[in-house]
Amino acid sequence: MKCFPFIQAGWEVSVEYIVMDDLITEDVFKRHLEAAGQFVGVGRFRPENGGFYGRFEIVSVKWSE
C-alpha cells in the first residue's frame, strides 16, 4: 500500500521564470499559468493524469523587463 502526502489549502510558493521570447507578453504568460493550474496541475494524481488533486491558483504575477 502506498501513502502519498497531501498538502492542505493555504500553502503558498513563489516561482521565478525567465521568459526569453519577446512575443510572450505578461497577459499571455499569466493566462497560460492559470490554465496550467486548472487543467494540468502538479503531482502524481493531477488533473492531466485523470486525478483531482494538484490544482493550483495564481495569486499574483510580478513582471519585470
Protein backbone atom coordinates (compact mmCIF):
# COMPACT_ATOMS: atom_id res chain seq x y z
CA MET A 1 0.00 0.00 0.00
CA LYS A 2 1.34 3.44 -0.93
CA CYS A 3 0.95 6.60 1.10
CA PHE A 4 1.39 10.00 -0.57
CA PRO A 5 1.50 13.38 1.18
CA PHE A 6 -1.49 15.69 0.98
CA ILE A 7 -0.85 19.43 1.19
CA GLN A 8 -3.71 21.28 2.83
CA ALA A 9 -5.08 24.51 1.33
CA GLY A 10 -3.39 27.72 2.41
CA TRP A 11 0.15 26.94 1.31
CA GLU A 12 1.96 29.41 -0.92
CA VAL A 13 5.07 29.21 -3.05
CA SER A 14 6.97 31.71 -5.17
CA VAL A 15 8.43 30.66 -8.50
CA GLU A 16 10.73 32.64 -10.79
CA TYR A 17 10.50 32.15 -14.55
CA ILE A 18 12.80 33.60 -17.19
CA VAL A 19 10.88 34.32 -20.39
CA MET A 20 13.33 34.70 -23.26
CA ASP A 21 10.85 35.36 -26.08
CA ASP A 22 9.58 38.92 -26.55
CA LEU A 23 6.40 37.57 -28.18
CA ILE A 24 5.23 36.27 -24.79
CA THR A 25 3.55 39.14 -23.01
CA GLU A 26 2.63 39.33 -19.34
CA ASP A 27 -1.05 38.71 -20.15
CA VAL A 28 -0.32 35.64 -22.29
CA PHE A 29 2.04 34.24 -19.65
CA LYS A 30 -0.49 34.73 -16.86
CA ARG A 31 -3.32 33.11 -18.85
CA HIS A 32 -1.15 30.05 -19.54
CA LEU A 33 -0.20 29.72 -15.86
CA GLU A 34 -3.86 29.93 -14.84
CA ALA A 35 -4.84 27.27 -17.39
CA ALA A 36 -2.00 25.02 -16.21
CA GLY A 37 -3.25 25.31 -12.64
CA GLN A 38 -6.73 24.15 -13.61
CA PHE A 39 -6.09 21.56 -16.33
CA VAL A 40 -2.56 20.21 -15.79
CA GLY A 41 -1.75 20.64 -12.08
CA VAL A 42 1.26 19.25 -10.22
CA GLY A 43 1.98 15.92 -8.57
CA ARG A 44 1.10 12.31 -9.21
CA PHE A 45 -2.73 12.42 -9.13
CA ARG A 46 -3.07 15.69 -11.04
CA PRO A 47 -5.90 16.51 -13.49
CA GLU A 48 -3.66 15.81 -16.50
CA ASN A 49 -3.43 12.18 -15.36
CA GLY A 50 -7.15 11.82 -14.64
CA GLY A 51 -6.89 12.83 -10.98
CA PHE A 52 -8.43 15.62 -8.98
CA TYR A 53 -5.54 16.74 -6.75
CA GLY A 54 -2.73 19.10 -7.71
CA ARG A 55 -4.70 22.07 -8.99
CA PHE A 56 -3.28 25.47 -8.11
CA GLU A 57 -4.32 29.11 -8.30
CA ILE A 58 -2.20 32.05 -9.45
CA VAL A 59 -2.46 34.81 -6.84
CA SER A 60 -0.18 37.37 -8.47
CA VAL A 61 2.32 37.82 -11.27
CA LYS A 62 5.17 40.32 -10.94
CA TRP A 63 6.50 41.11 -14.39
CA SER A 64 9.82 42.87 -14.93
CA GLU A 65 11.76 43.64 -18.08
